[in-house]
Amino acid sequence: MPVVRAEDVVAAAAAGDPLATELWDETVDVLSVALTDLVNVFEPDLVVLGGGVTRSGDALLVPVRERVAADAMPPAAAASTVVLAGLGDVVRRRRGRGRVRPPRPARRRGSRPEGSPHV
């Protein structure tokens, strides 16, 4: 069985294939609804899309951006931008990167945190 990729579905939909059109419309709908929820809840400045489906480029990005802008709450929609990852469909997780750590309190040189044993 041949592998069908996102760009294959986009090309078939553009050529008028009704099944490909239905599949692509559903893909855009599901992603748009999920991103709209994310934008409404977290109000991120930037939403970066990566992975294989992003090979379809503007065929994905344009309708998703439009739907998120139209369906998200106005302040959240205005604060968020949806973009494609700079590395395209290359998605990696690097150990330790991307973790959020609380800031450490500033200490003067030679001081110890309160309650720490004197050595």
Protein backbone atom coordinates (compact mmCIF):
# COMPACT_ATOMS: atom_id res chain seq x y z
CA MET A 1 0.00 0.00 0.00
CA PRO A 2 1.49 3.39 -0.95
CA VAL A 3 2.11 6.06 1.68
CA VAL A 4 -0.18 9.07 1.28
CA ARG A 5 1.31 12.31 2.58
CA ALA A 6 -0.34 15.64 3.31
CA GLU A 7 1.00 17.22 0.13
CA ASP A 8 -0.53 14.32 -1.88
CA VAL A 9 -3.93 14.99 -0.33
CA VAL A 10 -3.61 18.74 -1.03
CA ALA A 11 -2.69 18.08 -4.67
CA ALA A 12 -5.61 15.68 -5.11
CA ALA A 13 -8.02 18.12 -3.46
CA ALA A 14 -6.80 20.93 -5.72
CA ALA A 15 -7.44 18.63 -8.70
CA GLY A 16 -11.05 18.18 -7.58
CA ASP A 17 -10.92 14.77 -5.87
CA PRO A 18 -13.96 14.79 -3.54
CA LEU A 19 -12.50 12.32 -1.01
CA ALA A 20 -9.24 14.27 -0.79
CA THR A 21 -11.18 17.52 -0.40
CA GLU A 22 -13.26 16.06 2.43
CA LEU A 23 -10.16 14.66 4.14
CA TRP A 24 -8.25 17.94 3.83
CA ASP A 25 -11.19 20.03 5.05
CA GLU A 26 -11.53 17.76 8.08
CA THR A 27 -7.78 18.04 8.78
CA VAL A 28 -7.94 21.84 8.69
CA ASP A 29 -11.10 21.84 10.83
CA VAL A 30 -9.67 19.59 13.55
CA LEU A 31 -6.38 21.48 13.72
CA SER A 32 -8.14 24.86 13.71
CA VAL A 33 -10.47 23.89 16.56
CA ALA A 34 -7.56 22.53 18.64
CA LEU A 35 -5.45 25.64 18.05
CA THR A 36 -8.38 27.95 18.76
CA ASP A 37 -8.84 26.23 22.13
CA LEU A 38 -5.11 26.54 22.84
CA VAL A 39 -5.10 30.24 21.91
CA ASN A 40 -8.21 30.95 24.01
CA VAL A 41 -6.83 29.22 27.10
CA PHE A 42 -3.14 30.19 27.02
CA GLU A 43 -3.00 33.30 24.79
CA PRO A 44 0.45 32.40 23.42
CA ASP A 45 2.38 35.01 21.45
CA LEU A 46 3.45 32.36 18.94
CA VAL A 47 2.06 28.98 17.89
CA VAL A 48 4.59 26.95 15.87
CA LEU A 49 3.33 24.08 13.74
CA GLY A 50 5.74 21.30 12.79
CA GLY A 51 5.59 17.76 11.53
CA GLY A 52 4.73 16.09 8.24
CA VAL A 53 1.42 17.85 7.65
CA THR A 54 3.28 21.18 7.47
CA ARG A 55 4.87 20.09 4.17
CA SER A 56 1.64 21.34 2.63
CA GLY A 57 2.73 24.92 3.47
CA ASP A 58 0.22 27.69 2.84
CA ALA A 59 -2.50 25.17 1.96
CA LEU A 60 -2.51 24.41 5.69
CA LEU A 61 -1.28 27.65 7.22
CA VAL A 62 -3.63 30.12 5.51
CA PRO A 63 -6.96 28.44 6.37
CA VAL A 64 -5.80 27.54 9.89
CA ARG A 65 -4.71 31.13 10.57
CA GLU A 66 -8.01 32.46 9.21
CA ARG A 67 -10.10 30.06 11.32
CA VAL A 68 -8.15 30.73 14.52
CA ALA A 69 -8.42 34.50 13.95
CA ALA A 70 -12.17 34.24 13.31
CA ASP A 71 -13.06 31.76 16.06
CA ALA A 72 -10.78 32.69 18.96
CA MET A 73 -11.77 35.34 21.48
CA PRO A 74 -10.69 38.71 20.02
CA PRO A 75 -7.98 39.57 22.60
CA ALA A 76 -6.48 36.08 22.36
CA ALA A 77 -6.64 36.06 18.56
CA ALA A 78 -4.96 39.46 18.38
CA ALA A 79 -2.15 38.33 20.69
CA SER A 80 -1.29 35.10 18.84
CA THR A 81 0.48 34.36 15.58
CA VAL A 82 0.44 30.92 13.92
CA VAL A 83 3.55 30.01 11.90
CA LEU A 84 5.20 26.97 10.38
CA ALA A 85 8.34 25.65 12.04
CA GLY A 86 11.58 26.86 10.51
CA LEU A 87 12.81 23.28 10.21
CA GLY A 88 9.69 22.16 8.37
CA ASP A 89 8.72 18.64 9.30
CA VAL A 90 11.88 17.96 11.31
CA VAL A 91 10.69 17.69 14.89
CA ARG A 92 13.13 16.91 17.68
CA ARG A 93 13.22 17.10 21.40
CA ARG A 94 16.49 18.05 22.97
CA ARG A 95 17.14 16.95 26.49
CA GLY A 96 16.58 19.73 28.96
CA ARG A 97 15.56 22.33 26.40
CA GLY A 98 12.17 23.89 26.56
CA ARG A 99 11.66 23.24 30.25
CA VAL A 100 10.40 26.11 32.29
CA ARG A 101 12.21 26.64 35.55
CA PRO A 102 11.23 29.11 38.23
CA PRO A 103 13.70 31.95 38.68
CA ARG A 104 16.22 31.51 41.46
CA PRO A 105 16.22 34.17 44.15
CA ALA A 106 19.17 36.53 43.94
CA ARG A 107 21.80 35.90 46.62
CA ARG A 108 24.69 38.03 47.63
CA ARG A 109 28.09 36.48 47.29
CA GLY A 110 28.93 34.51 50.42
CA SER A 111 25.39 34.45 51.77
CA ARG A 112 23.51 31.24 52.47
CA PRO A 113 19.82 30.57 52.07
CA GLU A 114 17.85 30.87 55.29
CA GLY A 115 17.73 27.62 57.20
CA SER A 116 20.74 26.06 55.48
CA PRO A 117 23.30 24.47 57.80
CA HIS A 118 26.43 26.40 58.65
CA VAL A 119 29.43 24.43 57.45
